Amino acid sequence: MAQYGRIEIHLADLLEKSGLSKNKLCHRAEMQRTQINGYCNNTISRLDIDVLARLCYALNCEINDLLEYIPPDQKDAD
């Protein structure tokens, strides 16, 4: 999978900038804390578009604030 790059989730950074606690985000986005932790720690394996919409709504951000595509290292591709 690394040959295609990866998606990085910046939820922890957005939470810190917003000043919201994980508990408040759970309430606003109607999500479980374990799910929030998975997104904060980049440990999820599949993105859910409904969850992404909830996070963007709750944090008043754009999807490109939340997600970043990291291309593969050119040395790894050769």
N, C-alpha and C. Protein backbone atom coordinates (compact mmCIF):
# COMPACT_ATOMS: atom_id res chain seq x y z
N MET A 1 0.81 -1.20 0.00
CA MET A 1 0.00 0.00 0.00
C MET A 1 0.85 1.26 0.00
N ALA A 2 2.02 1.22 0.63
CA ALA A 2 2.87 2.40 0.71
C ALA A 2 3.31 2.87 -0.67
N GLN A 3 3.27 2.00 -1.66
CA GLN A 3 3.67 2.39 -3.00
C GLN A 3 2.76 3.46 -3.58
N TYR A 4 1.54 3.61 -3.04
CA TYR A 4 0.58 4.60 -3.53
C TYR A 4 0.55 5.85 -2.66
N GLY A 5 1.29 5.85 -1.59
CA GLY A 5 1.23 6.96 -0.65
C GLY A 5 0.26 6.63 0.47
N ARG A 6 -0.12 7.65 1.24
CA ARG A 6 -1.04 7.42 2.34
C ARG A 6 -1.88 8.67 2.59
N ILE A 7 -2.95 8.49 3.33
CA ILE A 7 -3.80 9.60 3.75
C ILE A 7 -3.52 9.85 5.22
N GLU A 8 -3.25 11.08 5.56
CA GLU A 8 -3.03 11.45 6.95
C GLU A 8 -4.21 12.28 7.43
N ILE A 9 -4.69 11.98 8.62
CA ILE A 9 -5.83 12.67 9.21
C ILE A 9 -5.31 13.65 10.26
N HIS A 10 -5.71 14.90 10.14
CA HIS A 10 -5.21 15.95 11.03
C HIS A 10 -6.23 16.34 12.10
N LEU A 11 -6.99 15.37 12.57
CA LEU A 11 -8.02 15.67 13.57
C LEU A 11 -7.42 16.17 14.87
N ALA A 12 -6.36 15.57 15.34
CA ALA A 12 -5.75 15.99 16.61
C ALA A 12 -5.30 17.45 16.53
N ASP A 13 -4.70 17.85 15.41
CA ASP A 13 -4.27 19.23 15.22
C ASP A 13 -5.47 20.18 15.19
N LEU A 14 -6.52 19.79 14.48
CA LEU A 14 -7.71 20.64 14.40
C LEU A 14 -8.38 20.78 15.77
N LEU A 15 -8.40 19.70 16.53
CA LEU A 15 -8.98 19.77 17.87
C LEU A 15 -8.19 20.75 18.74
N GLU A 16 -6.89 20.65 18.68
CA GLU A 16 -6.04 21.54 19.48
C GLU A 16 -6.26 23.00 19.09
N LYS A 17 -6.31 23.28 17.79
CA LYS A 17 -6.52 24.65 17.32
C LYS A 17 -7.89 25.18 17.69
N SER A 18 -8.90 24.31 17.67
CA SER A 18 -10.26 24.76 17.97
C SER A 18 -10.50 24.96 19.46
N GLY A 19 -9.71 24.29 20.29
CA GLY A 19 -9.91 24.38 21.73
C GLY A 19 -11.00 23.45 22.24
N LEU A 20 -11.56 22.64 21.36
CA LEU A 20 -12.59 21.67 21.76
C LEU A 20 -11.96 20.46 22.42
N SER A 21 -12.65 19.91 23.39
CA SER A 21 -12.20 18.65 23.98
C SER A 21 -12.74 17.51 23.13
N LYS A 22 -12.17 16.35 23.30
CA LYS A 22 -12.67 15.17 22.58
C LYS A 22 -14.11 14.88 23.01
N ASN A 23 -14.43 15.11 24.28
CA ASN A 23 -15.79 14.87 24.76
C ASN A 23 -16.80 15.79 24.07
N LYS A 24 -16.45 17.07 23.90
CA LYS A 24 -17.35 17.99 23.21
C LYS A 24 -17.49 17.61 21.74
N LEU A 25 -16.39 17.20 21.14
CA LEU A 25 -16.45 16.78 19.74
C LEU A 25 -17.33 15.54 19.60
N CYS A 26 -17.21 14.60 20.52
CA CYS A 26 -18.06 13.40 20.50
C CYS A 26 -19.53 13.80 20.51
N HIS A 27 -19.86 14.76 21.35
CA HIS A 27 -21.26 15.21 21.46
C HIS A 27 -21.70 15.92 20.18
N ARG A 28 -20.90 16.86 19.70
CA ARG A 28 -21.26 17.63 18.50
C ARG A 28 -21.35 16.78 17.25
N ALA A 29 -20.43 15.83 17.11
CA ALA A 29 -20.39 15.00 15.90
C ALA A 29 -21.17 13.71 16.07
N GLU A 30 -21.74 13.49 17.27
CA GLU A 30 -22.50 12.26 17.56
C GLU A 30 -21.68 11.02 17.23
N MET A 31 -20.49 10.96 17.83
CA MET A 31 -19.57 9.85 17.61
C MET A 31 -19.09 9.30 18.95
N GLN A 32 -18.62 8.07 18.92
CA GLN A 32 -18.04 7.44 20.10
C GLN A 32 -16.60 7.94 20.28
N ARG A 33 -16.17 7.99 21.54
CA ARG A 33 -14.81 8.46 21.82
C ARG A 33 -13.76 7.54 21.18
N THR A 34 -14.00 6.24 21.16
CA THR A 34 -13.03 5.33 20.54
C THR A 34 -12.88 5.63 19.05
N GLN A 35 -13.97 6.01 18.42
CA GLN A 35 -13.92 6.37 17.01
C GLN A 35 -13.11 7.66 16.81
N ILE A 36 -13.35 8.65 17.67
CA ILE A 36 -12.58 9.90 17.62
C ILE A 36 -11.10 9.61 17.82
N ASN A 37 -10.78 8.75 18.78
CA ASN A 37 -9.38 8.39 19.05
C ASN A 37 -8.73 7.75 17.83
N GLY A 38 -9.46 6.88 17.14
CA GLY A 38 -8.93 6.25 15.93
C GLY A 38 -8.58 7.26 14.85
N TYR A 39 -9.43 8.27 14.68
CA TYR A 39 -9.16 9.33 13.71
C TYR A 39 -8.01 10.22 14.18
N CYS A 40 -7.95 10.51 15.48
CA CYS A 40 -6.85 11.34 16.01
C CYS A 40 -5.50 10.65 15.89
N ASN A 41 -5.48 9.34 16.08
CA ASN A 41 -4.23 8.57 16.06
C ASN A 41 -3.89 8.00 14.69
N ASN A 42 -4.71 8.28 13.68
CA ASN A 42 -4.50 7.76 12.33
C ASN A 42 -4.42 6.24 12.32
N THR A 43 -5.27 5.59 13.10
CA THR A 43 -5.24 4.13 13.16
C THR A 43 -6.42 3.48 12.45
N ILE A 44 -7.29 4.28 11.83
CA ILE A 44 -8.41 3.69 11.11
C ILE A 44 -7.94 3.20 9.75
N SER A 45 -8.61 2.20 9.23
CA SER A 45 -8.20 1.66 7.94
C SER A 45 -9.14 2.06 6.81
N ARG A 46 -10.35 2.49 7.16
CA ARG A 46 -11.32 2.91 6.14
C ARG A 46 -11.98 4.21 6.57
N LEU A 47 -12.04 5.16 5.65
CA LEU A 47 -12.69 6.42 5.93
C LEU A 47 -14.19 6.31 5.65
N ASP A 48 -14.98 6.86 6.52
CA ASP A 48 -16.43 6.87 6.39
C ASP A 48 -16.83 8.30 6.02
N ILE A 49 -17.46 8.49 4.86
CA ILE A 49 -17.78 9.85 4.42
C ILE A 49 -18.79 10.53 5.33
N ASP A 50 -19.68 9.78 5.97
CA ASP A 50 -20.61 10.37 6.92
C ASP A 50 -19.84 10.92 8.13
N VAL A 51 -18.88 10.16 8.61
CA VAL A 51 -18.05 10.61 9.75
C VAL A 51 -17.25 11.84 9.35
N LEU A 52 -16.68 11.84 8.16
CA LEU A 52 -15.91 13.00 7.71
C LEU A 52 -16.80 14.25 7.65
N ALA A 53 -18.02 14.10 7.16
CA ALA A 53 -18.95 15.23 7.10
C ALA A 53 -19.28 15.72 8.51
N ARG A 54 -19.49 14.79 9.44
CA ARG A 54 -19.78 15.18 10.83
C ARG A 54 -18.61 15.95 11.44
N LEU A 55 -17.39 15.47 11.20
CA LEU A 55 -16.22 16.13 11.75
C LEU A 55 -16.05 17.54 11.16
N CYS A 56 -16.22 17.66 9.86
CA CYS A 56 -16.11 18.97 9.22
C CYS A 56 -17.17 19.93 9.76
N TYR A 57 -18.37 19.43 9.94
CA TYR A 57 -19.45 20.26 10.49
C TYR A 57 -19.13 20.69 11.92
N ALA A 58 -18.75 19.74 12.75
CA ALA A 58 -18.49 20.02 14.17
C ALA A 58 -17.31 20.95 14.37
N LEU A 59 -16.31 20.85 13.48
CA LEU A 59 -15.10 21.68 13.61
C LEU A 59 -15.12 22.91 12.71
N ASN A 60 -16.20 23.04 11.91
CA ASN A 60 -16.33 24.16 10.99
C ASN A 60 -15.08 24.28 10.11
N CYS A 61 -14.74 23.16 9.46
CA CYS A 61 -13.54 23.13 8.62
C CYS A 61 -13.88 22.51 7.26
N GLU A 62 -12.93 22.56 6.37
CA GLU A 62 -13.05 21.94 5.05
C GLU A 62 -12.39 20.57 5.08
N ILE A 63 -12.75 19.72 4.15
CA ILE A 63 -12.20 18.37 4.10
C ILE A 63 -10.68 18.41 3.93
N ASN A 64 -10.16 19.38 3.18
CA ASN A 64 -8.71 19.45 2.97
C ASN A 64 -7.98 19.93 4.24
N ASP A 65 -8.70 20.47 5.21
CA ASP A 65 -8.10 20.77 6.51
C ASP A 65 -7.93 19.49 7.32
N LEU A 66 -8.81 18.56 7.09
CA LEU A 66 -8.86 17.32 7.86
C LEU A 66 -7.99 16.21 7.27
N LEU A 67 -7.95 16.12 5.94
CA LEU A 67 -7.22 15.04 5.26
C LEU A 67 -6.09 15.58 4.41
N GLU A 68 -5.01 14.81 4.35
CA GLU A 68 -3.87 15.17 3.49
C GLU A 68 -3.34 13.91 2.81
N TYR A 69 -3.14 14.01 1.52
CA TYR A 69 -2.53 12.91 0.77
C TYR A 69 -1.02 13.08 0.82
N ILE A 70 -0.33 12.05 1.27
CA ILE A 70 1.14 12.04 1.33
C ILE A 70 1.61 11.10 0.23
N PRO A 71 2.22 11.63 -0.85
CA PRO A 71 2.67 10.76 -1.94
C PRO A 71 3.77 9.82 -1.48
N PRO A 72 3.96 8.72 -2.22
CA PRO A 72 5.02 7.79 -1.85
C PRO A 72 6.40 8.43 -2.03
N ASP A 73 7.34 7.97 -1.27
CA ASP A 73 8.71 8.43 -1.41
C ASP A 73 9.23 7.92 -2.76
N GLN A 74 9.83 8.80 -3.53
CA GLN A 74 10.29 8.43 -4.86
C GLN A 74 11.32 7.28 -4.82
N LYS A 75 12.11 7.19 -3.76
CA LYS A 75 13.07 6.09 -3.64
C LYS A 75 12.36 4.76 -3.51
N ASP A 76 11.19 4.78 -2.81
CA ASP A 76 10.43 3.54 -2.62
C ASP A 76 9.75 3.11 -3.92
N ALA A 77 9.43 4.05 -4.80
CA ALA A 77 8.70 3.73 -6.02
C ALA A 77 9.60 3.07 -7.07
N ASP A 78 10.88 3.31 -7.01
CA ASP A 78 11.81 2.74 -8.01
C ASP A 78 12.13 1.29 -7.78
